[in-house]
Amino acid sequence: MSVQTVTLAPHEFVANLLFNEDGLAPFFGLDSAVKQAGGSRSEEFHADGEQWVARLSYQESNIVHPGQRTPLGTPFEIETIREYRIKIMRHPSEDPVGKQDFTAHIAPRWPGMQGEKEDGTRVEIAVPDGFGQGVNVRVKGSNVAFDRYPKLLRRAAGVLGIATRYFEEPHEFSNIQDAERYARVHRDASGPVHARDGPLASMGYLLEHDRSGYRKVVQDDDDVHGQTLPGFYHTTTLDATRIREAFPDHAYPKEVKHYYAKEAKDRDPDDPLAHPKVGASLQVSLLDQDETVRWADRESLRRELDQTVLSVLADAGLDVAPGEGSGPFVPDAYWNPEVDHSGPAPVGLDLTRIEQSQESVVIRHLADGLSPVQWEALETLVTDGGEIAPADIAAEHDRHVGSVRRALRDMEDLVRREYAEVALSSEYVAEMVHEAVREARESVQRAVETSAKAVEAA
């Protein structure tokens, strides 16, 4: 479902675009173009009414020469294998900041190809089964819409003397390695986003784990110069399992963040870089080993990133569809906060529901009554502050380890057990258990004191 929301902007992006329609012809064409240009060449071109610059160069390669022919029988007449770079950037007259650009690193691919390490050993370079031979174009850039990378690559190739047909349609095995979408928020309005009880902290605080999953919370209020700048770099990273607790329809692990530019503190308030970004980025490293984000999935990825950012902003109380002006947002060199009807609807994070759910787990266990071994285990987990083994708990309280394991099994929704370690299921649960243990201690102490007074009076 789409509603009226502010449009977001692309930031960092990395992808492997594979092309095999013309085999190794693109690689041979690049080799010829570099040799004709004497090593490098720069040209200008226009795209969508904008002026761009393309620069072709090369670098040395560790790819092992295939010999006279590749394993698929293609003649290979190049003596020295090089890899090629096309730097594509917005013309300085239209981009004074100089941050709207990307590099296309182009290398050949054929089945069974190898690379040689510095010590002379050789390793196989992975080529997807069924791909055959062609080229891998690793694009890495920023502030360019995801869909524009192949289009700009084709335009650049054309003006550099390389056939544009080589880069018409990325192969289905093409994949995305990094992608971020963001909004720039006025620093006077962004506080609720990174507050200790705001959506960023709450997602990591409540959606921690229940015996599986990954989360990481960073809250750094000091800039690179050691100056205090609240919200300088606050992030919450959640794997696909954890992210779905807040966004049930999402498939991709993400880092959600509120961050400033390095020199933000000393910049004039009229400078966009004095104000923070709120963004969401793909975390490929948290995907399962057999999972990937295909180039064909880029639109669903974009909508997930946008929905994540919009939901965080809305949960923090910001108007994500300002009627007049820019509202809480700050335009910058690459983003003008416009409102339209094509964006995804923000999702209610419903962190209160998750908080209540975790509270009910603790309350239920306390109401049902805990055995002495369970109380001892919880007390150790609260006071230890880390992950310890059941055997450690048993040794501390002079219990049999089997008794401790049984006690922990009866509290599976309260504690997390992985391999030989055990911990409380979330930081929020830990705080509630800590309070319960503290109250229990105080109750015992009061009972002891009352008994002592009674004995003394008698």
Protein backbone atom coordinates (compact mmCIF):
# COMPACT_ATOMS: atom_id res chain seq x y z
CA MET A 1 0.00 0.00 0.00
CA SER A 2 1.25 3.50 -0.85
CA VAL A 3 0.42 6.74 0.92
CA GLN A 4 1.59 10.31 0.71
CA THR A 5 5.11 10.49 2.16
CA VAL A 6 8.33 12.38 1.62
CA THR A 7 10.59 10.85 -1.03
CA LEU A 8 13.98 9.60 0.16
CA ALA A 9 17.38 9.79 -1.51
CA PRO A 10 19.94 7.14 -2.51
CA HIS A 11 23.30 7.19 -0.82
CA GLU A 12 25.92 4.41 -0.88
CA PHE A 13 25.54 1.58 -3.37
CA VAL A 14 27.64 -1.44 -4.37
CA ALA A 15 26.66 -4.12 -6.90
CA ASN A 16 28.19 -6.80 -9.10
CA LEU A 17 26.68 -6.39 -12.56
CA LEU A 18 27.39 -9.43 -14.73
CA PHE A 19 27.21 -9.39 -18.53
CA ASN A 20 27.66 -12.43 -20.79
CA GLU A 21 25.59 -11.77 -23.92
CA ASP A 22 28.78 -11.01 -25.87
CA GLY A 23 31.14 -13.29 -23.95
CA LEU A 24 34.56 -11.69 -23.43
CA ALA A 25 34.05 -9.07 -26.16
CA PRO A 26 33.56 -6.24 -23.59
CA PHE A 27 36.88 -7.13 -21.97
CA PHE A 28 38.70 -7.20 -25.31
CA GLY A 29 37.04 -3.91 -26.25
CA LEU A 30 38.27 -2.25 -23.07
CA ASP A 31 41.78 -3.57 -23.66
CA SER A 32 41.77 -2.09 -27.15
CA ALA A 33 40.37 1.25 -25.99
CA VAL A 34 42.99 1.63 -23.25
CA LYS A 35 45.83 0.81 -25.64
CA GLN A 36 44.57 3.28 -28.26
CA ALA A 37 44.28 5.98 -25.56
CA GLY A 38 47.81 5.34 -24.27
CA GLY A 39 46.59 4.13 -20.87
CA SER A 40 43.75 6.51 -19.99
CA ARG A 41 41.09 8.69 -21.54
CA SER A 42 38.45 11.17 -20.35
CA GLU A 43 35.27 12.25 -22.13
CA GLU A 44 32.10 14.17 -21.29
CA PHE A 45 28.52 13.14 -22.02
CA HIS A 46 24.93 14.11 -21.24
CA ALA A 47 22.26 11.95 -19.58
CA ASP A 48 18.75 13.03 -18.55
CA GLY A 49 19.65 16.66 -19.04
CA GLU A 50 22.75 16.38 -16.83
CA GLN A 51 26.42 16.70 -17.72
CA TRP A 52 28.75 13.87 -16.73
CA VAL A 53 32.43 12.97 -17.07
CA ALA A 54 33.80 9.48 -17.84
CA ARG A 55 37.44 8.49 -17.30
CA LEU A 56 38.86 5.17 -18.48
CA SER A 57 41.98 3.67 -16.88
CA TYR A 58 43.42 0.27 -15.93
CA GLN A 59 45.09 -1.56 -13.09
CA GLU A 60 47.27 -4.62 -12.80
CA SER A 61 45.53 -7.95 -12.28
CA ASN A 62 46.32 -11.18 -10.44
CA ILE A 63 44.15 -13.26 -12.80
CA VAL A 64 46.07 -16.24 -14.13
CA HIS A 65 46.41 -16.16 -17.93
CA PRO A 66 44.27 -18.90 -19.53
CA GLY A 67 46.72 -19.57 -22.36
CA GLN A 68 45.91 -19.36 -26.04
CA ARG A 69 42.24 -20.15 -25.43
CA THR A 70 39.82 -19.98 -22.52
CA PRO A 71 38.30 -23.25 -21.22
CA LEU A 72 35.30 -22.53 -23.49
CA GLY A 73 37.53 -22.24 -26.55
CA THR A 74 37.64 -18.45 -27.04
CA PRO A 75 41.00 -17.29 -28.50
CA PHE A 76 42.82 -15.18 -25.89
CA GLU A 77 45.43 -13.04 -27.66
CA ILE A 78 46.09 -10.54 -24.84
CA GLU A 79 49.55 -11.10 -23.38
CA THR A 80 49.12 -9.22 -20.11
CA ILE A 81 45.80 -9.34 -18.29
CA ARG A 82 44.66 -6.04 -16.85
CA GLU A 83 41.46 -4.96 -15.15
CA TYR A 84 39.73 -1.75 -16.15
CA ARG A 85 38.09 1.14 -14.37
CA ILE A 86 35.56 3.62 -15.66
CA LYS A 87 35.13 6.52 -13.25
CA ILE A 88 31.77 8.22 -13.90
CA MET A 89 31.10 11.50 -12.13
CA ARG A 90 28.77 14.45 -12.37
CA HIS A 91 30.45 17.40 -14.04
CA PRO A 92 32.02 19.74 -11.44
CA SER A 93 29.98 22.65 -12.77
CA GLU A 94 26.82 20.80 -11.70
CA ASP A 95 28.19 19.06 -8.61
CA PRO A 96 30.35 21.44 -6.56
CA VAL A 97 30.31 19.00 -3.63
CA GLY A 98 31.86 16.31 -5.84
CA LYS A 99 30.09 13.33 -4.27
CA GLN A 100 27.75 12.16 -7.05
CA ASP A 101 29.82 9.53 -8.79
CA PHE A 102 30.71 5.88 -9.06
CA THR A 103 33.50 3.59 -10.23
CA ALA A 104 32.90 0.61 -12.51
CA HIS A 105 35.65 -1.98 -11.97
CA ILE A 106 35.57 -4.42 -14.89
CA ALA A 107 37.18 -7.87 -14.89
CA PRO A 108 36.77 -10.95 -17.12
CA ARG A 109 35.04 -14.13 -16.01
CA TRP A 110 35.27 -17.67 -17.36
CA PRO A 111 34.76 -21.10 -15.78
CA GLY A 112 37.67 -22.35 -13.71
CA MET A 113 39.59 -19.06 -13.72
CA GLN A 114 42.22 -18.57 -11.03
CA GLY A 115 43.95 -15.76 -9.21
CA GLU A 116 47.55 -15.74 -8.01
CA LYS A 117 48.34 -14.52 -4.50
CA GLU A 118 51.50 -12.63 -3.53
CA ASP A 119 53.16 -15.81 -2.28
CA GLY A 120 52.59 -17.49 -5.65
CA THR A 121 49.77 -19.77 -4.57
CA ARG A 122 46.67 -19.90 -6.75
CA VAL A 123 43.02 -19.78 -5.76
CA GLU A 124 39.91 -20.28 -7.84
CA ILE A 125 37.86 -17.19 -8.62
CA ALA A 126 34.19 -18.01 -8.22
CA VAL A 127 32.11 -17.88 -11.39
CA PRO A 128 28.41 -18.78 -11.06
CA ASP A 129 27.47 -22.14 -12.50
CA GLY A 130 25.81 -21.68 -15.87
CA PHE A 131 27.15 -18.16 -16.41
CA GLY A 132 29.71 -19.15 -19.01
CA GLN A 133 32.12 -16.33 -19.76
CA GLY A 134 31.72 -12.58 -19.76
CA VAL A 135 32.60 -9.67 -17.48
CA ASN A 136 31.90 -8.66 -13.89
CA VAL A 137 31.33 -4.94 -13.44
CA ARG A 138 31.57 -4.00 -9.78
CA VAL A 139 29.94 -0.62 -9.40
CA LYS A 140 30.54 1.36 -6.23
CA GLY A 141 29.15 4.83 -5.82
CA SER A 142 26.98 7.29 -3.95
CA ASN A 143 24.10 9.68 -4.54
CA VAL A 144 23.02 7.93 -7.75
CA ALA A 145 19.59 6.30 -8.09
CA PHE A 146 19.96 2.51 -8.13
CA ASP A 147 18.39 2.10 -11.59
CA ARG A 148 20.77 4.61 -13.19
CA TYR A 149 24.02 2.69 -12.78
CA PRO A 150 23.72 0.50 -15.93
CA LYS A 151 22.31 3.40 -17.95
CA LEU A 152 25.17 5.73 -17.05
CA LEU A 153 27.67 2.90 -17.63
CA ARG A 154 26.36 2.44 -21.18
CA ARG A 155 26.58 6.17 -21.93
CA ALA A 156 30.12 6.32 -20.57
CA ALA A 157 31.20 3.27 -22.56
CA GLY A 158 29.84 4.82 -25.75
CA VAL A 159 31.82 8.05 -25.48
CA LEU A 160 34.96 6.07 -24.55
CA GLY A 161 34.78 4.05 -27.76
CA ILE A 162 33.31 0.85 -26.34
CA ALA A 163 30.15 -0.69 -27.76
CA THR A 164 27.14 0.17 -25.57
CA ARG A 165 25.44 -3.14 -26.43
CA TYR A 166 27.92 -4.92 -24.16
CA PHE A 167 26.15 -3.47 -21.11
CA GLU A 168 22.49 -3.66 -22.14
CA GLU A 169 20.95 -6.02 -19.60
CA PRO A 170 22.65 -7.29 -16.42
CA HIS A 171 22.62 -11.08 -16.09
CA GLU A 172 20.17 -12.62 -13.62
CA PHE A 173 23.08 -13.55 -11.35
CA SER A 174 23.92 -9.86 -10.84
CA ASN A 175 23.70 -8.96 -7.16
CA ILE A 176 23.61 -6.03 -4.76
CA GLN A 177 26.18 -5.82 -1.97
CA ASP A 178 25.31 -2.50 -0.30
CA ALA A 179 22.51 0.04 -0.63
CA GLU A 180 21.34 2.94 1.52
CA ARG A 181 18.41 5.36 1.41
CA TYR A 182 18.17 8.42 3.65
CA ALA A 183 16.43 11.63 4.68
CA ARG A 184 18.26 14.62 6.13
CA VAL A 185 16.52 15.85 9.28
CA HIS A 186 16.90 19.23 10.99
CA ARG A 187 19.05 18.80 14.06
CA ASP A 188 16.42 20.49 16.24
CA ALA A 189 13.88 17.84 15.21
CA SER A 190 15.99 14.66 15.13
CA GLY A 191 16.45 14.18 18.89
CA PRO A 192 13.47 11.80 19.34
CA VAL A 193 15.00 9.49 16.71
CA HIS A 194 18.21 8.83 18.64
CA ALA A 195 16.88 9.37 22.17
CA ARG A 196 17.50 6.60 24.68
CA ASP A 197 13.81 5.71 24.53
CA GLY A 198 13.48 6.49 20.80
CA PRO A 199 12.83 4.01 17.97
CA LEU A 200 16.50 3.30 17.20
CA ALA A 201 17.38 2.31 20.75
CA SER A 202 14.05 0.57 21.33
CA MET A 203 14.44 -1.69 18.31
CA GLY A 204 17.79 -2.97 19.54
CA TYR A 205 16.71 -2.92 23.17
CA LEU A 206 13.53 -4.96 22.71
CA LEU A 207 14.23 -6.97 19.56
CA GLU A 208 17.41 -8.48 20.92
CA HIS A 209 17.05 -12.24 20.54
CA ASP A 210 15.33 -15.36 21.78
CA ARG A 211 18.07 -17.96 21.36
CA SER A 212 18.74 -16.93 17.75
CA GLY A 213 19.27 -13.90 15.55
CA TYR A 214 21.64 -10.95 15.53
CA ARG A 215 21.41 -7.39 16.73
CA LYS A 216 23.91 -4.64 17.47
CA VAL A 217 23.36 -1.20 18.97
CA VAL A 218 25.89 1.65 18.77
CA GLN A 219 25.31 4.95 20.60
CA ASP A 220 28.25 7.30 20.09
CA ASP A 221 27.76 10.96 20.99
CA ASP A 222 31.38 12.04 20.42
CA ASP A 223 32.52 13.18 16.97
CA VAL A 224 35.89 12.36 15.41
CA HIS A 225 37.49 15.25 17.31
CA GLY A 226 36.20 14.10 20.68
CA GLN A 227 33.59 16.84 20.86
CA THR A 228 30.16 15.94 22.22
CA LEU A 229 27.44 15.97 19.58
CA PRO A 230 24.29 14.10 20.70
CA GLY A 231 23.27 11.55 18.09
CA PHE A 232 26.61 11.78 16.24
CA TYR A 233 26.55 8.09 15.31
CA HIS A 234 23.67 5.96 16.57
CA THR A 235 22.85 2.70 14.80
CA THR A 236 20.84 -0.45 15.31
CA THR A 237 21.67 -3.47 13.15
CA LEU A 238 19.17 -6.33 12.91
CA ASP A 239 19.28 -9.56 10.94
CA ALA A 240 16.31 -10.72 8.88
CA THR A 241 14.77 -12.62 11.82
CA ARG A 242 14.89 -9.63 14.15
CA ILE A 243 13.87 -7.10 11.50
CA ARG A 244 10.68 -9.05 10.85
CA GLU A 245 9.59 -8.56 14.45
CA ALA A 246 9.18 -4.89 13.62
CA PHE A 247 8.50 -5.24 9.87
CA PRO A 248 6.74 -8.59 9.29
CA ASP A 249 6.89 -8.34 5.48
CA HIS A 250 10.61 -7.48 5.22
CA ALA A 251 13.20 -9.95 3.98
CA TYR A 252 16.53 -8.10 4.22
CA PRO A 253 18.80 -7.47 7.25
CA LYS A 254 19.46 -3.78 7.78
CA GLU A 255 21.35 -1.17 9.70
CA VAL A 256 19.17 1.75 10.74
CA LYS A 257 21.10 4.86 11.65
CA HIS A 258 21.15 8.49 12.73
CA TYR A 259 24.48 10.12 11.91
CA TYR A 260 26.22 13.43 11.29
CA ALA A 261 29.03 14.42 8.93
CA LYS A 262 32.47 14.42 10.54
CA GLU A 263 32.67 18.22 10.75
CA ALA A 264 28.99 18.83 11.51
CA LYS A 265 29.43 20.42 14.93
CA ASP A 266 31.38 23.41 13.63
CA ARG A 267 29.26 24.05 10.53
CA ASP A 268 26.85 26.94 10.10
CA PRO A 269 23.20 25.96 10.72
CA ASP A 270 22.44 27.04 7.14
CA ASP A 271 24.81 24.36 5.86
CA PRO A 272 22.94 21.08 5.17
CA LEU A 273 25.90 19.14 6.57
CA ALA A 274 25.20 20.66 9.98
CA HIS A 275 22.14 18.41 10.12
CA PRO A 276 22.05 14.61 10.49
CA LYS A 277 20.90 11.89 8.14
CA VAL A 278 18.46 9.18 9.14
CA GLY A 279 19.02 6.20 6.87
CA ALA A 280 18.70 2.46 6.41
CA SER A 281 21.22 0.27 4.63
CA LEU A 282 21.37 -3.33 3.50
CA GLN A 283 23.58 -5.69 5.55
CA VAL A 284 24.62 -8.47 3.18
CA SER A 285 26.99 -9.98 5.75
CA LEU A 286 23.96 -11.03 7.82
CA LEU A 287 22.35 -13.03 5.03
CA ASP A 288 22.55 -16.81 5.16
CA GLN A 289 25.44 -18.25 3.15
CA ASP A 290 23.20 -19.40 0.32
CA GLU A 291 21.24 -16.13 0.11
CA THR A 292 21.88 -13.11 -2.10
CA VAL A 293 20.11 -9.92 -3.13
CA ARG A 294 19.59 -10.05 -6.87
CA TRP A 295 19.76 -7.00 -9.10
CA ALA A 296 16.21 -7.87 -10.11
CA ASP A 297 15.16 -7.37 -6.46
CA ARG A 298 16.38 -3.77 -6.30
CA GLU A 299 12.89 -2.24 -6.26
CA SER A 300 11.68 -4.39 -3.36
CA LEU A 301 14.94 -3.57 -1.54
CA ARG A 302 14.42 0.14 -2.15
CA ARG A 303 10.88 0.01 -0.78
CA GLU A 304 12.02 -1.88 2.32
CA LEU A 305 14.75 0.67 3.00
CA ASP A 306 12.32 3.55 2.48
CA GLN A 307 9.66 1.99 4.67
CA THR A 308 12.19 1.41 7.44
CA VAL A 309 13.33 5.04 7.45
CA LEU A 310 9.80 6.44 7.20
CA SER A 311 8.60 4.18 10.03
CA VAL A 312 11.43 5.27 12.33
CA LEU A 313 10.75 8.94 11.55
CA ALA A 314 7.02 8.52 12.13
CA ASP A 315 7.57 6.61 15.39
CA ALA A 316 9.74 9.51 16.56
CA GLY A 317 6.82 11.87 15.96
CA LEU A 318 8.12 13.56 12.80
CA ASP A 319 5.75 14.57 10.01
CA VAL A 320 6.73 12.33 7.10
CA ALA A 321 4.47 14.20 4.68
CA PRO A 322 4.85 17.93 5.41
CA GLY A 323 2.14 19.95 3.71
CA GLU A 324 4.08 23.18 3.34
CA GLY A 325 7.79 23.74 2.96
CA SER A 326 10.26 21.08 4.02
CA GLY A 327 8.81 20.43 7.47
CA PRO A 328 11.44 18.76 9.69
CA PHE A 329 13.66 17.97 6.69
CA VAL A 330 16.68 19.78 5.25
CA PRO A 331 17.39 19.78 1.50
CA ASP A 332 20.97 19.05 0.50
CA ALA A 333 23.02 18.85 -2.70
CA TYR A 334 21.47 15.52 -3.69
CA TRP A 335 18.04 15.56 -2.07
CA ASN A 336 15.03 17.79 -2.23
CA PRO A 337 12.32 16.54 0.18
CA GLU A 338 9.28 16.31 -2.06
CA VAL A 339 6.03 14.56 -1.16
CA ASP A 340 4.26 12.14 -3.47
CA HIS A 341 1.97 9.09 -3.45
CA SER A 342 4.41 6.45 -4.71
CA GLY A 343 6.23 5.67 -1.49
CA PRO A 344 5.53 2.81 0.91
CA ALA A 345 3.32 3.44 3.94
CA PRO A 346 5.16 3.70 7.27
CA VAL A 347 4.69 0.70 9.53
CA GLY A 348 3.66 1.18 13.14
CA LEU A 349 6.66 -0.26 14.97
CA ASP A 350 4.41 -1.26 17.89
CA LEU A 351 7.36 -1.48 20.22
CA THR A 352 4.95 -1.05 23.12
CA ARG A 353 3.34 -4.38 22.18
CA ILE A 354 6.73 -6.10 22.15
CA GLU A 355 7.60 -4.52 25.50
CA GLN A 356 4.34 -5.74 27.01
CA SER A 357 4.92 -9.22 25.59
CA GLN A 358 8.32 -9.43 27.24
CA GLU A 359 6.90 -8.09 30.49
CA SER A 360 4.21 -10.77 30.47
CA VAL A 361 6.85 -13.49 30.16
CA VAL A 362 8.65 -12.27 33.28
CA ILE A 363 5.43 -11.71 35.22
CA ARG A 364 4.12 -15.19 34.34
CA HIS A 365 7.27 -16.89 35.61
CA LEU A 366 7.27 -14.87 38.83
CA ALA A 367 3.54 -15.49 39.39
CA ASP A 368 3.90 -19.24 38.83
CA GLY A 369 6.73 -19.34 41.32
CA LEU A 370 10.36 -20.15 40.72
CA SER A 371 12.32 -22.98 42.23
CA PRO A 372 15.40 -22.23 44.34
CA VAL A 373 17.63 -23.40 41.46
CA GLN A 374 15.84 -21.06 39.03
CA TRP A 375 16.22 -18.12 41.41
CA GLU A 376 19.92 -18.88 41.78
CA ALA A 377 20.38 -19.11 38.00
CA LEU A 378 18.61 -15.79 37.42
CA GLU A 379 20.59 -14.10 40.19
CA THR A 380 23.85 -15.27 38.61
CA LEU A 381 22.79 -14.14 35.13
CA VAL A 382 21.80 -10.71 36.41
CA THR A 383 24.94 -10.12 38.47
CA ASP A 384 27.42 -11.72 36.07
CA GLY A 385 26.62 -9.32 33.23
CA GLY A 386 27.70 -11.68 30.47
CA GLU A 387 27.14 -15.10 29.00
CA ILE A 388 28.16 -18.00 31.18
CA ALA A 389 27.81 -21.79 31.09
CA PRO A 390 25.28 -23.81 33.13
CA ALA A 391 28.28 -25.49 34.75
CA ASP A 392 29.42 -22.10 36.08
CA ILE A 393 26.02 -21.49 37.65
CA ALA A 394 26.07 -24.97 39.21
CA ALA A 395 29.55 -24.45 40.65
CA GLU A 396 28.67 -21.05 42.10
CA HIS A 397 25.67 -22.40 44.02
CA ASP A 398 26.95 -25.93 44.72
CA ARG A 399 24.27 -27.53 42.56
CA HIS A 400 24.39 -30.46 40.16
CA VAL A 401 24.72 -29.20 36.59
CA GLY A 402 21.79 -31.42 35.54
CA SER A 403 19.54 -29.58 38.00
CA VAL A 404 20.62 -26.24 36.55
CA ARG A 405 19.96 -27.38 32.98
CA ARG A 406 16.46 -28.59 33.93
CA ALA A 407 15.76 -25.28 35.64
CA LEU A 408 16.86 -23.39 32.55
CA ARG A 409 14.76 -25.57 30.24
CA ASP A 410 11.69 -24.61 32.26
CA MET A 411 12.46 -20.94 31.57
CA GLU A 412 13.14 -21.16 27.81
CA ASP A 413 11.18 -17.99 27.00
CA LEU A 414 13.08 -16.09 29.69
CA VAL A 415 16.65 -17.15 28.92
CA ARG A 416 18.63 -17.84 25.78
CA ARG A 417 20.75 -20.98 25.52
CA GLU A 418 23.31 -21.45 22.76
CA TYR A 419 25.84 -24.24 22.82
CA ALA A 420 27.40 -24.16 26.30
CA GLU A 421 26.34 -20.60 27.14
CA VAL A 422 23.23 -19.09 28.66
CA ALA A 423 22.00 -15.50 28.97
CA LEU A 424 18.80 -13.60 29.58
CA SER A 425 16.71 -13.27 26.42
CA SER A 426 16.96 -9.48 26.12
CA GLU A 427 18.32 -6.43 27.90
CA TYR A 428 14.79 -5.38 28.75
CA VAL A 429 14.03 -8.78 30.28
CA ALA A 430 17.32 -8.55 32.18
CA GLU A 431 16.28 -5.26 33.77
CA MET A 432 12.94 -6.66 34.88
CA VAL A 433 14.57 -9.80 36.30
CA HIS A 434 17.18 -7.67 38.04
CA GLU A 435 14.43 -5.69 39.73
CA ALA A 436 12.64 -8.89 40.76
CA VAL A 437 15.85 -10.36 42.22
CA ARG A 438 16.55 -7.11 44.07
CA GLU A 439 13.06 -7.06 45.56
CA ALA A 440 13.39 -10.72 46.56
CA ARG A 441 16.66 -10.02 48.35
CA GLU A 442 15.15 -7.06 50.17
CA SER A 443 12.12 -9.15 51.17
CA VAL A 444 14.40 -11.86 52.62
CA GLN A 445 16.46 -9.25 54.42
CA ARG A 446 13.34 -7.67 55.92
CA ALA A 447 12.09 -11.09 57.04
CA VAL A 448 15.43 -11.86 58.68
CA GLU A 449 15.46 -8.50 60.47
CA THR A 450 11.87 -8.96 61.65
CA SER A 451 12.67 -12.43 62.99
CA ALA A 452 15.76 -11.15 64.76
CA LYS A 453 13.77 -8.38 66.42
CA ALA A 454 11.10 -10.85 67.51
CA VAL A 455 13.70 -13.14 69.06
CA GLU A 456 15.33 -10.19 70.81
CA ALA A 457 12.00 -8.97 72.15
CA ALA A 458 11.13 -12.43 73.44
